C-alpha cells in the first residue's frame, strides 16, 4: 500500500468521512487508536477485505487534526506513514515500545515483529532507536517479549460508544443483509427446482445472535 493511499485514508478519518456504522474503532490508550475498515474509496474497489490500521494521536488535543500518523498492520510487516508536518517530533520514539508493540503482542499474539524498509537509513534508525536486529539487507525483527517493551494494560482501553442512532443503523443494515442473502439463495435454488429455504434457520440463528449483541447494554463500557 502506497503512502499516497495511507495519506488519503488518514485525511478521510480526520475529516469524519466514514460513517460510524462502516468502521470499528477502539482506543488502546492516550497515544493510539485501532480502526478496522473496508475502504473501497481508497484501496480495492469492491474489496471484501477489512484492514487493521493503528492511528497515532496528535498530542495537541485541541488541534483539528486528531491523528497525525497511520500504520497498516500487514502481520509480517508494518507500513508507517506520518503527516510531513509532524515528522521528526518524536512520536514513534514515545509510543513504539509502550503502545504499538505491546498492542501487537497482546492482541495479535505475536512473539516477533518483522519490518522491511526501502532505505538502509530507515533500517538503521529502527535498530538504533528500538533495538531491532538486522536479519537481512533491509529487514529487521524484534522479540516482543523484550524487556524494553511495556506490558500491555487493558485498563487504558476505551471502546466506541454504541449510540441509539448507531444501533438502529446497524440493525437496519443487518436486516437488509439477511434479506439480500436469502433472496440470492432462493433465486439459485429456484433454478434447481428447489423451493425449500434450507438456509433460513442458519441465517436467523446468526441474525438473532448479532441483533442481541447490538442491543446488549454491556457493550457500552469503559475498562
N, C-alpha and C. Protein backbone atom coordinates (compact mmCIF):
# COMPACT_ATOMS: atom_id res chain seq x y z
N UNK A 1 0.85 -1.19 0.00
CA UNK A 1 0.00 0.00 0.00
C UNK A 1 0.89 1.24 0.00
N UNK A 2 0.59 2.20 -0.85
CA UNK A 2 1.46 3.36 -1.01
C UNK A 2 1.20 4.41 0.07
N UNK A 3 2.16 5.33 0.22
CA UNK A 3 1.98 6.43 1.15
C UNK A 3 0.82 7.32 0.74
N UNK A 4 0.60 7.45 -0.57
CA UNK A 4 -0.50 8.28 -1.05
C UNK A 4 -1.85 7.72 -0.60
N UNK A 5 -2.00 6.41 -0.64
CA UNK A 5 -3.25 5.78 -0.19
C UNK A 5 -3.42 5.96 1.31
N UNK A 6 -2.34 5.72 2.06
CA UNK A 6 -2.42 5.89 3.51
C UNK A 6 -2.74 7.33 3.88
N UNK A 7 -2.17 8.27 3.15
CA UNK A 7 -2.45 9.68 3.40
C UNK A 7 -3.93 9.98 3.16
N UNK A 8 -4.49 9.45 2.08
CA UNK A 8 -5.90 9.68 1.77
C UNK A 8 -6.81 9.08 2.83
N UNK A 9 -6.49 7.88 3.28
CA UNK A 9 -7.29 7.25 4.33
C UNK A 9 -7.23 8.07 5.62
N UNK A 10 -6.03 8.55 5.95
CA UNK A 10 -5.86 9.35 7.16
C UNK A 10 -6.64 10.65 7.06
N UNK A 11 -6.61 11.28 5.90
CA UNK A 11 -7.39 12.51 5.68
C UNK A 11 -8.88 12.21 5.86
N UNK A 12 -9.33 11.11 5.29
CA UNK A 12 -10.75 10.74 5.41
C UNK A 12 -11.15 10.52 6.86
N UNK A 13 -10.27 9.86 7.62
CA UNK A 13 -10.57 9.61 9.03
C UNK A 13 -10.63 10.92 9.80
N UNK A 14 -9.66 11.79 9.58
CA UNK A 14 -9.62 13.07 10.29
C UNK A 14 -10.79 13.97 9.92
N UNK A 15 -11.32 13.82 8.73
CA UNK A 15 -12.44 14.64 8.29
C UNK A 15 -13.79 13.94 8.48
N UNK A 16 -13.79 12.84 9.23
CA UNK A 16 -15.02 12.08 9.55
C UNK A 16 -15.76 11.68 8.28
N UNK A 17 -14.99 11.24 7.29
CA UNK A 17 -15.56 10.83 6.02
C UNK A 17 -16.37 9.54 6.15
N UNK A 18 -15.90 8.64 7.02
CA UNK A 18 -16.55 7.35 7.17
C UNK A 18 -17.67 7.42 8.20
N UNK A 19 -18.80 6.80 7.87
CA UNK A 19 -19.89 6.71 8.83
C UNK A 19 -19.53 5.73 9.94
N UNK A 20 -20.07 5.97 11.13
CA UNK A 20 -19.76 5.11 12.26
C UNK A 20 -20.14 3.66 12.03
N UNK A 21 -21.19 3.42 11.24
CA UNK A 21 -21.61 2.04 11.01
C UNK A 21 -20.70 1.31 10.03
N UNK A 22 -19.74 2.03 9.43
CA UNK A 22 -18.85 1.42 8.45
C UNK A 22 -17.44 1.19 8.97
N UNK A 23 -17.21 1.50 10.24
CA UNK A 23 -15.88 1.30 10.81
C UNK A 23 -16.00 0.67 12.19
N UNK A 24 -14.91 0.05 12.62
CA UNK A 24 -14.78 -0.42 14.00
C UNK A 24 -13.61 0.34 14.61
N UNK A 25 -13.85 1.01 15.72
CA UNK A 25 -12.83 1.87 16.31
C UNK A 25 -12.69 1.54 17.80
N UNK A 26 -11.44 1.50 18.24
CA UNK A 26 -11.19 1.25 19.66
C UNK A 26 -9.96 2.04 20.10
N UNK A 27 -10.05 2.65 21.25
CA UNK A 27 -8.92 3.40 21.80
C UNK A 27 -8.08 2.48 22.67
N UNK A 28 -6.82 2.32 22.31
CA UNK A 28 -5.90 1.48 23.08
C UNK A 28 -5.39 2.22 24.31
N UNK A 29 -4.97 3.46 24.10
CA UNK A 29 -4.51 4.29 25.22
C UNK A 29 -4.51 5.74 24.75
N UNK A 30 -3.82 6.61 25.46
CA UNK A 30 -3.83 8.03 25.12
C UNK A 30 -2.99 8.34 23.88
N UNK A 31 -2.29 7.34 23.35
CA UNK A 31 -1.41 7.57 22.20
C UNK A 31 -1.92 7.00 20.89
N UNK A 32 -2.64 5.87 20.94
CA UNK A 32 -3.06 5.24 19.68
C UNK A 32 -4.50 4.73 19.78
N UNK A 33 -5.15 4.73 18.61
CA UNK A 33 -6.43 4.07 18.43
C UNK A 33 -6.24 2.97 17.38
N UNK A 34 -7.17 2.02 17.36
CA UNK A 34 -7.18 0.97 16.34
C UNK A 34 -8.45 1.11 15.53
N UNK A 35 -8.33 1.09 14.21
CA UNK A 35 -9.50 1.16 13.35
C UNK A 35 -9.46 0.00 12.37
N UNK A 36 -10.63 -0.62 12.17
CA UNK A 36 -10.77 -1.68 11.18
C UNK A 36 -11.78 -1.18 10.16
N UNK A 37 -11.41 -1.25 8.89
CA UNK A 37 -12.21 -0.58 7.88
C UNK A 37 -12.16 -1.32 6.56
N UNK A 38 -13.27 -1.26 5.84
CA UNK A 38 -13.31 -1.71 4.45
C UNK A 38 -13.44 -0.46 3.61
N UNK A 39 -12.40 -0.10 2.90
CA UNK A 39 -12.35 1.18 2.20
C UNK A 39 -12.26 0.97 0.70
N UNK A 40 -13.41 0.99 0.02
CA UNK A 40 -13.37 0.84 -1.44
C UNK A 40 -13.17 2.18 -2.13
N UNK A 41 -13.05 3.26 -1.34
CA UNK A 41 -12.76 4.56 -1.92
C UNK A 41 -11.26 4.71 -2.21
N UNK A 42 -10.44 4.10 -1.36
CA UNK A 42 -9.00 4.30 -1.48
C UNK A 42 -8.21 3.04 -1.83
N UNK A 43 -8.72 1.89 -1.40
CA UNK A 43 -7.90 0.69 -1.51
C UNK A 43 -8.30 -0.15 -2.71
N UNK A 44 -9.17 -1.10 -2.51
CA UNK A 44 -9.58 -2.00 -3.58
C UNK A 44 -11.06 -1.82 -3.88
N UNK A 45 -11.38 -1.51 -5.11
CA UNK A 45 -12.78 -1.39 -5.49
C UNK A 45 -13.48 -2.73 -5.29
N UNK A 46 -14.65 -2.68 -4.63
CA UNK A 46 -15.45 -3.88 -4.38
C UNK A 46 -14.69 -4.93 -3.55
N UNK A 47 -13.74 -4.48 -2.75
CA UNK A 47 -12.96 -5.40 -1.93
C UNK A 47 -13.81 -5.94 -0.79
N UNK A 48 -13.63 -7.23 -0.49
CA UNK A 48 -14.30 -7.84 0.65
C UNK A 48 -13.37 -7.93 1.86
N UNK A 49 -12.21 -7.32 1.75
CA UNK A 49 -11.22 -7.40 2.82
C UNK A 49 -11.38 -6.23 3.80
N UNK A 50 -11.10 -6.51 5.06
CA UNK A 50 -11.07 -5.47 6.08
C UNK A 50 -9.62 -5.30 6.54
N UNK A 51 -9.23 -4.07 6.75
CA UNK A 51 -7.84 -3.77 7.08
C UNK A 51 -7.75 -3.17 8.48
N UNK A 52 -6.73 -3.60 9.23
CA UNK A 52 -6.45 -3.04 10.55
C UNK A 52 -5.41 -1.93 10.41
N UNK A 53 -5.73 -0.77 10.97
CA UNK A 53 -4.79 0.34 11.00
C UNK A 53 -4.60 0.80 12.43
N UNK A 54 -3.37 1.17 12.77
CA UNK A 54 -3.07 1.82 14.03
C UNK A 54 -3.01 3.31 13.76
N UNK A 55 -3.77 4.09 14.51
CA UNK A 55 -3.83 5.53 14.34
C UNK A 55 -3.04 6.21 15.46
N UNK A 56 -2.13 7.08 15.08
CA UNK A 56 -1.30 7.79 16.06
C UNK A 56 -1.96 9.13 16.39
N UNK A 57 -2.27 9.33 17.66
CA UNK A 57 -3.00 10.53 18.07
C UNK A 57 -2.08 11.76 18.14
N UNK A 58 -2.67 12.89 17.81
CA UNK A 58 -1.98 14.17 17.95
C UNK A 58 -1.89 14.52 19.43
N UNK A 59 -0.68 14.84 19.89
CA UNK A 59 -0.53 15.18 21.31
C UNK A 59 -1.20 16.51 21.65
N UNK A 60 -1.45 17.32 20.61
CA UNK A 60 -2.21 18.55 20.80
C UNK A 60 -3.69 18.23 20.65
N UNK A 61 -4.35 17.98 21.74
CA UNK A 61 -5.75 17.53 21.71
C UNK A 61 -6.71 18.62 21.26
N UNK A 62 -6.25 19.88 21.18
CA UNK A 62 -7.09 20.98 20.73
C UNK A 62 -7.02 21.17 19.22
N UNK A 63 -6.13 20.46 18.57
CA UNK A 63 -5.95 20.60 17.13
C UNK A 63 -7.12 19.95 16.39
N UNK A 64 -7.42 20.47 15.18
CA UNK A 64 -8.47 19.85 14.36
C UNK A 64 -7.95 18.62 13.62
N UNK A 65 -6.65 18.35 13.76
CA UNK A 65 -6.06 17.12 13.22
C UNK A 65 -5.94 16.13 14.38
N UNK A 66 -6.85 15.17 14.44
CA UNK A 66 -6.86 14.24 15.57
C UNK A 66 -5.74 13.22 15.48
N UNK A 67 -5.50 12.71 14.27
CA UNK A 67 -4.48 11.68 14.07
C UNK A 67 -3.40 12.20 13.13
N UNK A 68 -2.15 12.05 13.55
CA UNK A 68 -1.04 12.58 12.75
C UNK A 68 -0.31 11.45 12.00
N UNK A 69 -0.66 10.22 12.28
CA UNK A 69 0.01 9.10 11.63
C UNK A 69 -0.89 7.89 11.55
N UNK A 70 -0.55 6.99 10.63
CA UNK A 70 -1.32 5.76 10.43
C UNK A 70 -0.35 4.63 10.12
N UNK A 71 -0.65 3.44 10.64
CA UNK A 71 0.20 2.27 10.42
C UNK A 71 -0.68 1.13 9.93
N UNK A 72 -0.37 0.61 8.76
CA UNK A 72 -1.08 -0.55 8.24
C UNK A 72 -0.45 -1.80 8.82
N UNK A 73 -1.27 -2.60 9.50
CA UNK A 73 -0.79 -3.85 10.07
C UNK A 73 -0.87 -4.95 9.01
N UNK A 74 0.26 -5.36 8.48
CA UNK A 74 0.32 -6.41 7.46
C UNK A 74 0.84 -7.71 8.04
N UNK A 75 0.77 -7.84 9.36
CA UNK A 75 1.23 -9.03 10.11
C UNK A 75 2.74 -9.20 10.01
N UNK A 76 3.23 -9.60 8.85
CA UNK A 76 4.66 -9.82 8.72
C UNK A 76 5.42 -8.53 8.46
N UNK A 77 4.71 -7.40 8.45
CA UNK A 77 5.35 -6.10 8.24
C UNK A 77 4.38 -5.02 8.72
N UNK A 78 4.89 -3.83 8.94
CA UNK A 78 4.09 -2.67 9.28
C UNK A 78 4.44 -1.55 8.32
N UNK A 79 3.44 -0.89 7.79
CA UNK A 79 3.67 0.23 6.88
C UNK A 79 3.36 1.53 7.61
N UNK A 80 4.39 2.32 7.91
CA UNK A 80 4.25 3.55 8.68
C UNK A 80 4.05 4.75 7.75
N UNK A 81 3.14 5.63 8.14
CA UNK A 81 3.01 6.92 7.44
C UNK A 81 2.66 7.99 8.45
N UNK A 82 3.46 9.06 8.48
CA UNK A 82 3.22 10.20 9.37
C UNK A 82 3.14 11.45 8.52
N UNK A 83 2.15 12.30 8.80
CA UNK A 83 2.00 13.55 8.07
C UNK A 83 3.30 14.33 8.13
N UNK A 84 3.71 14.89 7.02
CA UNK A 84 5.04 15.51 6.91
C UNK A 84 5.28 16.58 7.97
N UNK A 85 4.26 17.38 8.31
CA UNK A 85 4.44 18.45 9.30
C UNK A 85 4.73 17.93 10.70
N UNK A 86 4.48 16.63 10.94
CA UNK A 86 4.65 16.07 12.28
C UNK A 86 5.84 15.11 12.37
N UNK A 87 6.59 14.99 11.31
CA UNK A 87 7.75 14.11 11.34
C UNK A 87 8.89 14.78 12.11
N UNK A 88 9.71 13.95 12.73
CA UNK A 88 10.84 14.47 13.48
C UNK A 88 10.47 15.05 14.82
N UNK A 89 9.25 14.78 15.30
CA UNK A 89 8.81 15.31 16.59
C UNK A 89 8.79 14.24 17.68
N UNK A 90 9.33 13.08 17.39
CA UNK A 90 9.48 12.05 18.41
C UNK A 90 8.24 11.23 18.70
N UNK A 91 7.26 11.22 17.80
CA UNK A 91 6.04 10.45 18.04
C UNK A 91 6.34 8.96 18.16
N UNK A 92 7.09 8.40 17.20
CA UNK A 92 7.37 6.96 17.25
C UNK A 92 8.22 6.60 18.45
N UNK A 93 9.18 7.47 18.79
CA UNK A 93 10.04 7.18 19.94
C UNK A 93 9.23 7.03 21.22
N UNK A 94 8.17 7.81 21.36
CA UNK A 94 7.37 7.78 22.59
C UNK A 94 6.46 6.56 22.67
N UNK A 95 6.04 6.04 21.52
CA UNK A 95 4.96 5.04 21.57
C UNK A 95 5.30 3.66 21.00
N UNK A 96 6.44 3.51 20.34
CA UNK A 96 6.77 2.23 19.70
C UNK A 96 6.78 1.08 20.71
N UNK A 97 7.53 1.25 21.80
CA UNK A 97 7.70 0.16 22.76
C UNK A 97 6.72 0.25 23.93
N UNK A 98 5.94 1.34 23.99
CA UNK A 98 4.99 1.49 25.09
C UNK A 98 3.54 1.27 24.66
N UNK A 99 3.25 1.42 23.35
CA UNK A 99 1.88 1.27 22.87
C UNK A 99 1.76 0.33 21.68
N UNK A 100 2.53 0.60 20.62
CA UNK A 100 2.36 -0.14 19.36
C UNK A 100 2.75 -1.60 19.51
N UNK A 101 3.99 -1.87 19.90
CA UNK A 101 4.44 -3.26 20.00
C UNK A 101 3.73 -4.03 21.11
N UNK A 102 3.44 -3.43 22.27
CA UNK A 102 2.64 -4.16 23.27
C UNK A 102 1.26 -4.56 22.75
N UNK A 103 0.62 -3.67 21.97
CA UNK A 103 -0.69 -4.00 21.40
C UNK A 103 -0.58 -5.18 20.45
N UNK A 104 0.42 -5.17 19.57
CA UNK A 104 0.59 -6.26 18.61
C UNK A 104 0.89 -7.58 19.31
N UNK A 105 1.61 -7.51 20.40
CA UNK A 105 1.93 -8.71 21.15
C UNK A 105 0.70 -9.26 21.87
N UNK A 106 -0.06 -8.38 22.51
CA UNK A 106 -1.19 -8.80 23.34
C UNK A 106 -2.38 -9.25 22.50
N UNK A 107 -2.79 -8.43 21.54
CA UNK A 107 -4.00 -8.72 20.77
C UNK A 107 -3.75 -9.57 19.55
N UNK A 108 -2.59 -9.45 18.94
CA UNK A 108 -2.31 -10.23 17.74
C UNK A 108 -1.58 -11.53 18.05
N UNK A 109 -1.12 -11.67 19.29
CA UNK A 109 -0.47 -12.90 19.70
C UNK A 109 0.87 -13.15 19.05
N UNK A 110 1.56 -12.08 18.70
CA UNK A 110 2.85 -12.24 18.02
C UNK A 110 3.99 -12.32 19.03
N UNK A 111 4.96 -13.13 18.69
CA UNK A 111 6.17 -13.22 19.51
C UNK A 111 7.31 -12.40 18.90
N UNK A 112 7.19 -12.11 17.60
CA UNK A 112 8.19 -11.29 16.91
C UNK A 112 7.49 -10.33 15.96
N UNK A 113 8.13 -9.19 15.69
CA UNK A 113 7.64 -8.29 14.66
C UNK A 113 8.76 -8.05 13.65
N UNK A 114 8.46 -8.33 12.41
CA UNK A 114 9.42 -8.13 11.32
C UNK A 114 9.06 -6.85 10.58
N UNK A 115 10.06 -6.08 10.19
CA UNK A 115 9.88 -4.87 9.40
C UNK A 115 10.83 -4.89 8.22
N UNK A 116 10.34 -4.43 7.08
CA UNK A 116 11.17 -4.34 5.88
C UNK A 116 11.12 -2.91 5.36
N UNK A 117 12.28 -2.36 5.02
CA UNK A 117 12.37 -0.96 4.62
C UNK A 117 12.88 -0.83 3.19
N UNK A 118 12.61 0.33 2.60
CA UNK A 118 13.10 0.62 1.26
C UNK A 118 14.47 1.28 1.31
N UNK A 119 14.78 1.90 2.45
CA UNK A 119 16.05 2.62 2.57
C UNK A 119 16.83 2.10 3.77
N UNK A 120 18.14 1.95 3.58
CA UNK A 120 19.02 1.47 4.65
C UNK A 120 19.04 2.43 5.82
N UNK A 121 18.91 3.72 5.54
CA UNK A 121 18.95 4.74 6.59
C UNK A 121 17.82 4.53 7.60
N UNK A 122 16.62 4.18 7.10
CA UNK A 122 15.48 3.98 8.00
C UNK A 122 15.66 2.69 8.80
N UNK A 123 16.22 1.68 8.16
CA UNK A 123 16.51 0.43 8.87
C UNK A 123 17.45 0.69 10.04
N UNK A 124 18.49 1.44 9.79
CA UNK A 124 19.47 1.74 10.84
C UNK A 124 18.84 2.55 11.97
N UNK A 125 17.88 3.41 11.63
CA UNK A 125 17.17 4.20 12.63
C UNK A 125 16.41 3.29 13.59
N UNK A 126 15.70 2.29 13.06
CA UNK A 126 14.93 1.38 13.90
C UNK A 126 15.85 0.50 14.75
N UNK A 127 17.00 0.16 14.23
CA UNK A 127 17.96 -0.62 15.02
C UNK A 127 18.47 0.21 16.19
N UNK A 128 18.80 1.45 15.93
CA UNK A 128 19.35 2.33 16.96
C UNK A 128 18.31 2.75 17.99
N UNK A 129 17.11 3.13 17.52
CA UNK A 129 16.10 3.68 18.41
C UNK A 129 15.34 2.61 19.20
N UNK A 130 15.06 1.45 18.55
CA UNK A 130 14.14 0.48 19.15
C UNK A 130 14.75 -0.90 19.31
N UNK A 131 16.04 -1.02 19.11
CA UNK A 131 16.76 -2.28 19.33
C UNK A 131 16.26 -3.44 18.46
N UNK A 132 15.81 -3.11 17.24
CA UNK A 132 15.53 -4.17 16.28
C UNK A 132 16.85 -4.80 15.84
N UNK A 133 16.81 -6.06 15.44
CA UNK A 133 18.01 -6.76 14.99
C UNK A 133 17.94 -6.98 13.48
N UNK A 134 19.06 -6.78 12.84
CA UNK A 134 19.13 -6.96 11.39
C UNK A 134 19.08 -8.45 11.05
N UNK A 135 18.21 -8.81 10.10
CA UNK A 135 18.14 -10.22 9.65
C UNK A 135 18.34 -10.33 8.15
N UNK A 136 18.39 -9.18 7.46
CA UNK A 136 18.63 -9.17 6.02
C UNK A 136 19.06 -7.76 5.65
N UNK A 137 19.32 -7.55 4.38
CA UNK A 137 19.83 -6.25 3.93
C UNK A 137 18.93 -5.10 4.36
N UNK A 138 17.63 -5.23 4.18
CA UNK A 138 16.70 -4.17 4.51
C UNK A 138 15.61 -4.63 5.48
N UNK A 139 15.87 -5.73 6.19
CA UNK A 139 14.85 -6.32 7.08
C UNK A 139 15.38 -6.45 8.50
N UNK A 140 14.49 -6.16 9.46
CA UNK A 140 14.84 -6.29 10.88
C UNK A 140 13.72 -7.04 11.59
N UNK A 141 14.00 -7.49 12.80
CA UNK A 141 12.97 -8.11 13.62
C UNK A 141 13.24 -7.81 15.09
N UNK A 142 12.19 -7.95 15.90
CA UNK A 142 12.33 -7.71 17.33
C UNK A 142 11.46 -8.70 18.08
N UNK A 143 12.02 -9.30 19.14
CA UNK A 143 11.25 -10.16 20.02
C UNK A 143 10.30 -9.29 20.83
N UNK A 144 9.02 -9.66 20.84
CA UNK A 144 8.03 -8.83 21.52
C UNK A 144 7.93 -9.12 23.02
N UNK A 145 8.77 -10.02 23.50
CA UNK A 145 8.86 -10.22 24.95
C UNK A 145 10.13 -9.58 25.51
N UNK A 146 10.71 -8.66 24.74
CA UNK A 146 11.92 -7.97 25.19
C UNK A 146 11.63 -7.12 26.41
N UNK A 147 12.63 -6.91 27.23
CA UNK A 147 12.46 -6.16 28.47
C UNK A 147 12.11 -4.70 28.24
N UNK A 148 12.47 -4.16 27.07
CA UNK A 148 12.18 -2.74 26.81
C UNK A 148 10.76 -2.51 26.30
N UNK A 149 9.99 -3.57 26.12
CA UNK A 149 8.60 -3.43 25.68
C UNK A 149 7.68 -3.49 26.89
N UNK A 150 6.87 -2.47 27.02
CA UNK A 150 5.99 -2.34 28.18
C UNK A 150 4.91 -3.42 28.17
N UNK A 151 4.52 -3.89 29.34
CA UNK A 151 3.43 -4.85 29.47
C UNK A 151 2.11 -4.17 29.11
N UNK A 152 1.30 -4.84 28.30
CA UNK A 152 0.04 -4.24 27.83
C UNK A 152 -0.94 -4.07 28.99
N UNK A 153 -1.58 -2.93 29.03
CA UNK A 153 -2.51 -2.61 30.12
C UNK A 153 -3.91 -2.43 29.55
N UNK A 154 -4.80 -3.41 29.74
CA UNK A 154 -6.15 -3.34 29.18
C UNK A 154 -6.99 -2.25 29.85
N UNK A 155 -6.59 -1.78 31.03
CA UNK A 155 -7.36 -0.77 31.73
C UNK A 155 -7.34 0.58 31.02
N UNK A 156 -6.42 0.75 30.08
CA UNK A 156 -6.33 2.01 29.36
C UNK A 156 -7.21 2.02 28.11
N UNK A 157 -7.83 0.89 27.81
CA UNK A 157 -8.66 0.80 26.61
C UNK A 157 -10.00 1.51 26.81
N UNK A 158 -10.57 1.93 25.68
CA UNK A 158 -11.88 2.56 25.69
C UNK A 158 -12.59 2.21 24.39
N UNK A 159 -13.76 1.59 24.47
CA UNK A 159 -14.49 1.21 23.27
C UNK A 159 -15.36 2.36 22.79
N UNK A 160 -15.64 2.38 21.49
CA UNK A 160 -16.51 3.40 20.95
C UNK A 160 -17.93 3.16 21.45
N UNK A 161 -18.61 4.24 21.82
CA UNK A 161 -19.97 4.12 22.33
C UNK A 161 -20.94 3.77 21.22
N UNK A 162 -21.81 2.80 21.48
CA UNK A 162 -22.87 2.47 20.54
C UNK A 162 -24.08 3.32 20.89
N UNK A 163 -24.25 4.42 20.18
CA UNK A 163 -25.40 5.28 20.42
C UNK A 163 -26.67 4.59 19.91
N UNK A 164 -27.81 5.07 20.36
CA UNK A 164 -29.08 4.51 19.89
C UNK A 164 -29.21 4.66 18.38
N UNK A 165 -28.75 5.78 17.86
CA UNK A 165 -28.80 6.01 16.41
C UNK A 165 -27.95 5.00 15.66
N UNK A 166 -26.74 4.76 16.17
CA UNK A 166 -25.85 3.79 15.53
C UNK A 166 -26.44 2.39 15.62
N UNK A 167 -27.02 2.05 16.76
CA UNK A 167 -27.62 0.72 16.91
C UNK A 167 -28.73 0.50 15.88
N UNK A 168 -29.57 1.52 15.67
CA UNK A 168 -30.65 1.39 14.70
C UNK A 168 -30.11 1.21 13.29
N UNK A 169 -29.04 1.93 12.96
CA UNK A 169 -28.43 1.79 11.64
C UNK A 169 -27.84 0.39 11.46
N UNK A 170 -27.23 -0.12 12.53
CA UNK A 170 -26.65 -1.45 12.47
C UNK A 170 -27.72 -2.52 12.26
N UNK A 171 -28.85 -2.37 12.97
CA UNK A 171 -29.95 -3.33 12.83
C UNK A 171 -30.57 -3.24 11.43
N UNK A 172 -30.72 -2.02 10.91
CA UNK A 172 -31.25 -1.86 9.56
C UNK A 172 -30.33 -2.51 8.53
N UNK A 173 -29.02 -2.32 8.70
CA UNK A 173 -28.06 -2.96 7.79
C UNK A 173 -28.11 -4.47 7.91
N UNK A 174 -28.29 -4.94 9.16
CA UNK A 174 -28.38 -6.38 9.40
C UNK A 174 -29.62 -6.96 8.72
N UNK A 175 -30.74 -6.26 8.85
CA UNK A 175 -31.97 -6.71 8.21
C UNK A 175 -31.82 -6.76 6.70
N UNK A 176 -31.24 -5.70 6.13
CA UNK A 176 -31.05 -5.66 4.68
C UNK A 176 -30.14 -6.79 4.22
N UNK A 177 -29.08 -7.02 4.98
CA UNK A 177 -28.13 -8.07 4.60
C UNK A 177 -28.75 -9.45 4.61
N UNK A 178 -29.53 -9.75 5.65
CA UNK A 178 -30.18 -11.06 5.75
C UNK A 178 -31.15 -11.27 4.58
N UNK A 179 -31.95 -10.25 4.28
CA UNK A 179 -32.92 -10.37 3.19
C UNK A 179 -32.23 -10.58 1.85
N UNK A 180 -31.14 -9.86 1.61
CA UNK A 180 -30.43 -9.99 0.33
C UNK A 180 -29.82 -11.39 0.18
N UNK A 181 -29.24 -11.90 1.26
CA UNK A 181 -28.64 -13.23 1.19
C UNK A 181 -29.72 -14.28 0.95
N UNK A 182 -30.85 -14.15 1.64
CA UNK A 182 -31.94 -15.12 1.43
C UNK A 182 -32.47 -15.08 0.01
N UNK A 183 -32.63 -13.88 -0.56
CA UNK A 183 -33.16 -13.77 -1.91
C UNK A 183 -32.19 -14.36 -2.93
N UNK A 184 -30.90 -14.10 -2.76
CA UNK A 184 -29.91 -14.67 -3.67
C UNK A 184 -29.96 -16.20 -3.60
N UNK A 185 -30.04 -16.73 -2.38
CA UNK A 185 -30.08 -18.17 -2.20
C UNK A 185 -31.33 -18.76 -2.85
N UNK A 186 -32.47 -18.11 -2.67
CA UNK A 186 -33.71 -18.63 -3.24
C UNK A 186 -33.69 -18.55 -4.77
N UNK A 187 -33.14 -17.50 -5.31
CA UNK A 187 -33.03 -17.38 -6.77
C UNK A 187 -32.23 -18.54 -7.35
N UNK A 188 -31.16 -18.90 -6.65
CA UNK A 188 -30.35 -20.03 -7.11
C UNK A 188 -31.08 -21.35 -6.94
N UNK A 189 -31.75 -21.50 -5.80
CA UNK A 189 -32.47 -22.74 -5.53
C UNK A 189 -33.64 -22.94 -6.51
N UNK A 190 -34.34 -21.88 -6.86
CA UNK A 190 -35.46 -22.00 -7.80
C UNK A 190 -35.00 -22.48 -9.17
N UNK A 191 -33.80 -22.09 -9.55
CA UNK A 191 -33.26 -22.55 -10.83
C UNK A 191 -33.02 -24.06 -10.81
N UNK A 192 -32.86 -24.58 -9.59
CA UNK A 192 -32.67 -26.03 -9.43
C UNK A 192 -33.99 -26.73 -9.11
N UNK A 193 -35.09 -26.00 -9.24
CA UNK A 193 -36.43 -26.53 -8.94
C UNK A 193 -36.56 -26.93 -7.48
N UNK A 194 -35.86 -26.20 -6.62
CA UNK A 194 -35.94 -26.47 -5.19
C UNK A 194 -36.51 -25.22 -4.52
N UNK A 195 -37.68 -25.33 -3.93
CA UNK A 195 -38.31 -24.17 -3.30
C UNK A 195 -38.20 -24.22 -1.78
N UNK A 196 -37.36 -25.09 -1.26
CA UNK A 196 -37.19 -25.21 0.19
C UNK A 196 -36.10 -24.26 0.66
N UNK A 197 -36.45 -23.39 1.60
CA UNK A 197 -35.50 -22.38 2.09
C UNK A 197 -34.63 -22.98 3.19
N UNK A 198 -33.65 -23.80 2.80
CA UNK A 198 -32.85 -24.51 3.80
C UNK A 198 -31.79 -23.63 4.44
N UNK A 199 -31.64 -22.39 4.00
CA UNK A 199 -30.64 -21.51 4.59
C UNK A 199 -31.24 -20.65 5.71
N UNK A 200 -32.55 -20.62 5.82
CA UNK A 200 -33.21 -19.71 6.74
C UNK A 200 -32.81 -19.91 8.20
N UNK A 201 -32.86 -21.16 8.69
CA UNK A 201 -32.58 -21.40 10.11
C UNK A 201 -31.17 -20.96 10.47
N UNK A 202 -30.18 -21.34 9.64
CA UNK A 202 -28.79 -20.96 9.93
C UNK A 202 -28.66 -19.44 9.97
N UNK A 203 -29.24 -18.76 8.98
CA UNK A 203 -29.13 -17.30 8.92
C UNK A 203 -29.80 -16.64 10.12
N UNK A 204 -30.96 -17.15 10.50
CA UNK A 204 -31.67 -16.49 11.59
C UNK A 204 -31.04 -16.78 12.95
N UNK A 205 -30.34 -17.90 13.08
CA UNK A 205 -29.56 -18.12 14.30
C UNK A 205 -28.46 -17.05 14.40
N UNK A 206 -27.79 -16.82 13.27
CA UNK A 206 -26.75 -15.78 13.24
C UNK A 206 -27.38 -14.40 13.45
N UNK A 207 -28.50 -14.18 12.79
CA UNK A 207 -29.19 -12.88 12.87
C UNK A 207 -29.52 -12.51 14.31
N UNK A 208 -30.16 -13.42 15.04
CA UNK A 208 -30.57 -13.09 16.41
C UNK A 208 -29.38 -12.98 17.35
N UNK A 209 -28.31 -13.74 17.07
CA UNK A 209 -27.11 -13.60 17.88
C UNK A 209 -26.50 -12.21 17.74
N UNK A 210 -26.42 -11.73 16.49
CA UNK A 210 -25.85 -10.41 16.24
C UNK A 210 -26.78 -9.31 16.76
N UNK A 211 -28.08 -9.47 16.52
CA UNK A 211 -29.05 -8.47 16.98
C UNK A 211 -29.02 -8.33 18.50
N UNK A 212 -28.92 -9.44 19.20
CA UNK A 212 -28.86 -9.39 20.66
C UNK A 212 -27.58 -8.70 21.13
N UNK A 213 -26.47 -8.92 20.40
CA UNK A 213 -25.23 -8.23 20.74
C UNK A 213 -25.38 -6.73 20.58
N UNK A 214 -26.05 -6.30 19.52
CA UNK A 214 -26.25 -4.86 19.29
C UNK A 214 -27.06 -4.25 20.42
N UNK A 215 -28.05 -4.97 20.87
CA UNK A 215 -28.93 -4.46 21.93
C UNK A 215 -28.35 -4.61 23.33
N UNK A 216 -27.25 -5.33 23.44
CA UNK A 216 -26.66 -5.61 24.74
C UNK A 216 -26.05 -4.34 25.32
N UNK A 217 -26.58 -3.86 26.43
CA UNK A 217 -26.08 -2.62 27.05
C UNK A 217 -24.65 -2.79 27.54
N UNK A 218 -24.23 -4.02 27.82
CA UNK A 218 -22.88 -4.24 28.36
C UNK A 218 -21.80 -3.94 27.33
N UNK A 219 -22.19 -3.77 26.05
CA UNK A 219 -21.18 -3.44 25.04
C UNK A 219 -20.70 -2.00 25.16
N UNK A 220 -21.50 -1.15 25.79
CA UNK A 220 -21.07 0.21 26.04
C UNK A 220 -20.33 0.25 27.37
N UNK A 221 -19.02 0.15 27.28
CA UNK A 221 -18.28 0.09 28.54
C UNK A 221 -16.95 0.78 28.39
N UNK A 222 -16.41 1.12 29.53
CA UNK A 222 -15.03 1.60 29.61
C UNK A 222 -14.33 0.73 30.62
N UNK A 223 -13.15 0.20 30.22
CA UNK A 223 -12.41 -0.67 31.16
C UNK A 223 -11.86 0.16 32.31
